[in-house]
Amino acid sequence: MKKPMTIEDYELCRLRFGRDLSNWPDAERLAAEAFLLSADGQAFEGAEAALDAILAQTPSVPSASSDFLASLKDIPAEYSVKTGWFDAVSRVFFGDGKRFSPVAVASQAAVYLAVLGVGLMIGLQSATVDTESVDLSDGLFASNAQLFLEEE
């Protein structure tokens, strides 16, 4: 005699052959009918009936009057983001998605030249320096005159 059907076997056959027992092969159908008459089968059928009742009461898709769906319908197809002054200024200097816009390059060059000009003006206003006091090569390197003097 074939062993009795378990819950796992019943669920597997139900997935394979469907819910209607008349579509099952004879051997599995007879085992399933015997299983459904057992205590485990009755508990399984009771749980399935309770689940079906819950699913019948609860709609699977929310109704159109749902607040969530209504808020989704209110979203415009083209959404423009309101920007502040910082975003507007950065768009002028850095362009719309460009890494280096012409305005940004020109403004950076102007600032560079202004800093360079200020540095030159400050440097030209300082006192003149005697090149003899700054020239360190005399103490570090021997001159040709010194080499010829030693040979004599």
C-alpha atoms as a PDB file:
ATOM      1  CA  MET A   1       0.000   0.000   0.000  1.00  0.00           C
ATOM      2  CA  LYS A   2       1.148   3.493  -0.813  1.00  0.00           C
ATOM      3  CA  LYS A   3       2.151   5.743   2.084  1.00  0.00           C
ATOM      4  CA  PRO A   4      -0.398   8.420   3.076  1.00  0.00           C
ATOM      5  CA  MET A   5      -0.088  11.898   1.588  1.00  0.00           C
ATOM      6  CA  THR A   6       1.502  14.633   3.712  1.00  0.00           C
ATOM      7  CA  ILE A   7       0.776  18.358   3.672  1.00  0.00           C
ATOM      8  CA  GLU A   8       3.917  18.967   1.582  1.00  0.00           C
ATOM      9  CA  ASP A   9       2.869  16.313  -0.956  1.00  0.00           C
ATOM     10  CA  TYR A  10      -0.647  17.762  -1.137  1.00  0.00           C
ATOM     11  CA  GLU A  11       0.658  21.297  -1.697  1.00  0.00           C
ATOM     12  CA  LEU A  12       3.056  20.077  -4.385  1.00  0.00           C
ATOM     13  CA  CYS A  13       0.302  18.192  -6.224  1.00  0.00           C
ATOM     14  CA  ARG A  14      -2.015  21.165  -5.854  1.00  0.00           C
ATOM     15  CA  LEU A  15       0.577  23.417  -7.470  1.00  0.00           C
ATOM     16  CA  ARG A  16       1.204  20.890 -10.219  1.00  0.00           C
ATOM     17  CA  PHE A  17      -2.371  19.846 -11.061  1.00  0.00           C
ATOM     18  CA  GLY A  18      -4.508  22.742  -9.778  1.00  0.00           C
ATOM     19  CA  ARG A  19      -7.140  23.125  -7.078  1.00  0.00           C
ATOM     20  CA  ASP A  20      -9.803  20.941  -8.698  1.00  0.00           C
ATOM     21  CA  LEU A  21      -9.227  17.274  -7.690  1.00  0.00           C
ATOM     22  CA  SER A  22     -10.986  15.990 -10.797  1.00  0.00           C
ATOM     23  CA  ASN A  23      -8.009  17.156 -12.885  1.00  0.00           C
ATOM     24  CA  TRP A  24      -5.547  15.119 -10.800  1.00  0.00           C
ATOM     25  CA  PRO A  25      -4.303  11.663 -11.827  1.00  0.00           C
ATOM     26  CA  ASP A  26      -6.217   8.814 -10.160  1.00  0.00           C
ATOM     27  CA  ALA A  27      -3.466   7.738  -7.733  1.00  0.00           C
ATOM     28  CA  GLU A  28      -2.843  11.271  -6.448  1.00  0.00           C
ATOM     29  CA  ARG A  29      -6.558  12.090  -6.374  1.00  0.00           C
ATOM     30  CA  LEU A  30      -7.352   9.087  -4.162  1.00  0.00           C
ATOM     31  CA  ALA A  31      -4.450   9.930  -1.822  1.00  0.00           C
ATOM     32  CA  ALA A  32      -5.576  13.576  -1.679  1.00  0.00           C
ATOM     33  CA  GLU A  33      -9.146  12.624  -0.840  1.00  0.00           C
ATOM     34  CA  ALA A  34      -7.871  10.393   1.971  1.00  0.00           C
ATOM     35  CA  PHE A  35      -5.615  13.231   3.173  1.00  0.00           C
ATOM     36  CA  LEU A  36      -8.490  15.712   3.220  1.00  0.00           C
ATOM     37  CA  LEU A  37     -10.497  13.351   5.448  1.00  0.00           C
ATOM     38  CA  SER A  38      -7.641  13.233   8.021  1.00  0.00           C
ATOM     39  CA  ALA A  39      -7.165  15.762  10.844  1.00  0.00           C
ATOM     40  CA  ASP A  40      -4.222  17.405   9.064  1.00  0.00           C
ATOM     41  CA  GLY A  41      -6.256  17.707   5.880  1.00  0.00           C
ATOM     42  CA  GLN A  42      -9.207  19.267   7.724  1.00  0.00           C
ATOM     43  CA  ALA A  43      -6.849  21.795   9.398  1.00  0.00           C
ATOM     44  CA  PHE A  44      -5.281  22.587   6.018  1.00  0.00           C
ATOM     45  CA  GLU A  45      -8.652  23.110   4.355  1.00  0.00           C
ATOM     46  CA  GLY A  46      -9.801  25.304   7.279  1.00  0.00           C
ATOM     47  CA  ALA A  47      -6.693  27.490   6.963  1.00  0.00           C
ATOM     48  CA  GLU A  48      -7.191  27.750   3.189  1.00  0.00           C
ATOM     49  CA  ALA A  49     -10.861  28.724   3.644  1.00  0.00           C
ATOM     50  CA  ALA A  50      -9.901  31.413   6.196  1.00  0.00           C
ATOM     51  CA  LEU A  51      -7.261  32.807   3.840  1.00  0.00           C
ATOM     52  CA  ASP A  52      -9.714  32.846   0.933  1.00  0.00           C
ATOM     53  CA  ALA A  53     -12.237  34.720   3.110  1.00  0.00           C
ATOM     54  CA  ILE A  54      -9.652  37.352   4.056  1.00  0.00           C
ATOM     55  CA  LEU A  55      -8.580  37.789   0.446  1.00  0.00           C
ATOM     56  CA  ALA A  56     -12.194  38.106  -0.679  1.00  0.00           C
ATOM     57  CA  GLN A  57     -12.810  40.926   1.831  1.00  0.00           C
ATOM     58  CA  THR A  58      -9.626  42.858   1.094  1.00  0.00           C
ATOM     59  CA  PRO A  59      -9.252  44.214  -2.434  1.00  0.00           C
ATOM     60  CA  SER A  60      -5.842  43.450  -3.867  1.00  0.00           C
ATOM     61  CA  VAL A  61      -5.601  46.827  -5.607  1.00  0.00           C
ATOM     62  CA  PRO A  62      -6.420  50.021  -3.706  1.00  0.00           C
ATOM     63  CA  SER A  63      -9.434  51.924  -4.912  1.00  0.00           C
ATOM     64  CA  ALA A  64      -9.134  55.091  -6.954  1.00  0.00           C
ATOM     65  CA  SER A  65     -10.329  57.090  -3.945  1.00  0.00           C
ATOM     66  CA  SER A  66      -7.208  56.148  -2.039  1.00  0.00           C
ATOM     67  CA  ASP A  67      -5.241  59.160  -0.808  1.00  0.00           C
ATOM     68  CA  PHE A  68      -1.986  57.619  -2.004  1.00  0.00           C
ATOM     69  CA  LEU A  69      -3.220  57.086  -5.553  1.00  0.00           C
ATOM     70  CA  ALA A  70      -4.738  60.559  -5.615  1.00  0.00           C
ATOM     71  CA  SER A  71      -1.398  62.064  -4.603  1.00  0.00           C
ATOM     72  CA  LEU A  72       0.324  60.077  -7.359  1.00  0.00           C
ATOM     73  CA  LYS A  73      -2.127  61.425  -9.909  1.00  0.00           C
ATOM     74  CA  ASP A  74      -1.358  64.998  -8.804  1.00  0.00           C
ATOM     75  CA  ILE A  75       2.313  64.741  -9.793  1.00  0.00           C
ATOM     76  CA  PRO A  76       2.831  66.692 -13.014  1.00  0.00           C
ATOM     77  CA  ALA A  77       4.487  65.052 -15.998  1.00  0.00           C
ATOM     78  CA  GLU A  78       7.155  67.756 -16.103  1.00  0.00           C
ATOM     79  CA  TYR A  79       8.268  68.832 -12.649  1.00  0.00           C
ATOM     80  CA  SER A  80      10.298  72.015 -12.326  1.00  0.00           C
ATOM     81  CA  VAL A  81      12.361  72.462  -9.206  1.00  0.00           C
ATOM     82  CA  LYS A  82      12.244  75.877  -7.581  1.00  0.00           C
ATOM     83  CA  THR A  83      15.772  77.089  -7.018  1.00  0.00           C
ATOM     84  CA  GLY A  84      17.237  79.654  -4.707  1.00  0.00           C
ATOM     85  CA  TRP A  85      19.728  82.385  -5.468  1.00  0.00           C
ATOM     86  CA  PHE A  86      22.731  80.118  -4.904  1.00  0.00           C
ATOM     87  CA  ASP A  87      21.546  77.636  -7.525  1.00  0.00           C
ATOM     88  CA  ALA A  88      20.890  80.447 -10.006  1.00  0.00           C
ATOM     89  CA  VAL A  89      24.356  81.939  -9.484  1.00  0.00           C
ATOM     90  CA  SER A  90      26.067  78.547  -9.719  1.00  0.00           C
ATOM     91  CA  ARG A  91      24.193  77.842 -12.951  1.00  0.00           C
ATOM     92  CA  VAL A  92      25.527  81.121 -14.394  1.00  0.00           C
ATOM     93  CA  PHE A  93      29.108  80.312 -13.409  1.00  0.00           C
ATOM     94  CA  PHE A  94      29.126  76.567 -14.006  1.00  0.00           C
ATOM     95  CA  GLY A  95      26.495  76.197 -16.714  1.00  0.00           C
ATOM     96  CA  ASP A  96      23.699  73.682 -16.916  1.00  0.00           C
ATOM     97  CA  GLY A  97      25.511  70.399 -16.395  1.00  0.00           C
ATOM     98  CA  LYS A  98      28.702  71.567 -18.069  1.00  0.00           C
ATOM     99  CA  ARG A  99      31.968  71.166 -16.257  1.00  0.00           C
ATOM    100  CA  PHE A 100      33.497  74.440 -17.509  1.00  0.00           C
ATOM    101  CA  SER A 101      31.210  77.037 -19.009  1.00  0.00           C
ATOM    102  CA  PRO A 102      32.722  80.045 -20.823  1.00  0.00           C
ATOM    103  CA  VAL A 103      31.596  82.384 -18.042  1.00  0.00           C
ATOM    104  CA  ALA A 104      33.313  80.204 -15.430  1.00  0.00           C
ATOM    105  CA  VAL A 105      36.596  80.097 -17.352  1.00  0.00           C
ATOM    106  CA  ALA A 106      36.523  83.855 -17.985  1.00  0.00           C
ATOM    107  CA  SER A 107      35.785  84.658 -14.330  1.00  0.00           C
ATOM    108  CA  GLN A 108      38.560  82.375 -13.104  1.00  0.00           C
ATOM    109  CA  ALA A 109      41.038  83.964 -15.547  1.00  0.00           C
ATOM    110  CA  ALA A 110      40.013  87.460 -14.411  1.00  0.00           C
ATOM    111  CA  VAL A 111      40.546  86.560 -10.742  1.00  0.00           C
ATOM    112  CA  TYR A 112      43.920  84.995 -11.554  1.00  0.00           C
ATOM    113  CA  LEU A 113      45.065  88.129 -13.401  1.00  0.00           C
ATOM    114  CA  ALA A 114      43.827  90.381 -10.583  1.00  0.00           C
ATOM    115  CA  VAL A 115      45.777  88.414  -7.969  1.00  0.00           C
ATOM    116  CA  LEU A 116      48.865  88.442 -10.199  1.00  0.00           C
ATOM    117  CA  GLY A 117      48.573  92.222 -10.674  1.00  0.00           C
ATOM    118  CA  VAL A 118      48.222  92.850  -6.937  1.00  0.00           C
ATOM    119  CA  GLY A 119      51.289  90.699  -6.289  1.00  0.00           C
ATOM    120  CA  LEU A 120      53.337  92.617  -8.850  1.00  0.00           C
ATOM    121  CA  MET A 121      52.251  95.956  -7.444  1.00  0.00           C
ATOM    122  CA  ILE A 122      53.265  94.928  -3.939  1.00  0.00           C
ATOM    123  CA  GLY A 123      56.546  93.502  -5.188  1.00  0.00           C
ATOM    124  CA  LEU A 124      57.451  96.624  -7.154  1.00  0.00           C
ATOM    125  CA  GLN A 125      56.820  98.917  -4.195  1.00  0.00           C
ATOM    126  CA  SER A 126      59.391  97.219  -1.963  1.00  0.00           C
ATOM    127  CA  ALA A 127      62.928  98.628  -1.567  1.00  0.00           C
ATOM    128  CA  THR A 128      65.602  97.687  -4.041  1.00  0.00           C
ATOM    129  CA  VAL A 129      67.930  94.898  -3.020  1.00  0.00           C
ATOM    130  CA  ASP A 130      71.652  94.872  -3.725  1.00  0.00           C
ATOM    131  CA  THR A 131      72.392  91.848  -5.924  1.00  0.00           C
ATOM    132  CA  GLU A 132      75.814  91.402  -4.282  1.00  0.00           C
ATOM    133  CA  SER A 133      74.221  90.725  -0.908  1.00  0.00           C
ATOM    134  CA  VAL A 134      71.762  88.237  -2.382  1.00  0.00           C
ATOM    135  CA  ASP A 135      74.160  86.382  -4.701  1.00  0.00           C
ATOM    136  CA  LEU A 136      75.289  83.243  -2.856  1.00  0.00           C
ATOM    137  CA  SER A 137      77.180  81.694  -5.739  1.00  0.00           C
ATOM    138  CA  ASP A 138      80.412  83.411  -4.701  1.00  0.00           C
ATOM    139  CA  GLY A 139      80.635  81.369  -1.527  1.00  0.00           C
ATOM    140  CA  LEU A 140      79.396  78.116  -3.008  1.00  0.00           C
ATOM    141  CA  PHE A 141      81.300  77.909  -6.302  1.00  0.00           C
ATOM    142  CA  ALA A 142      84.927  78.589  -7.151  1.00  0.00           C
ATOM    143  CA  SER A 143      85.511  81.088  -9.922  1.00  0.00           C
ATOM    144  CA  ASN A 144      87.970  80.619 -12.768  1.00  0.00           C
ATOM    145  CA  ALA A 145      90.152  83.398 -11.400  1.00  0.00           C
ATOM    146  CA  GLN A 146      90.679  81.518  -8.145  1.00  0.00           C
ATOM    147  CA  LEU A 147      91.676  78.329  -9.944  1.00  0.00           C
ATOM    148  CA  PHE A 148      94.313  80.093 -12.054  1.00  0.00           C
ATOM    149  CA  LEU A 149      95.759  81.852  -9.056  1.00  0.00           C
ATOM    150  CA  GLU A 150      96.459  78.567  -7.271  1.00  0.00           C
ATOM    151  CA  GLU A 151      98.459  77.172 -10.199  1.00  0.00           C
ATOM    152  CA  GLU A 152     101.050  79.989 -10.132  1.00  0.00           C
END
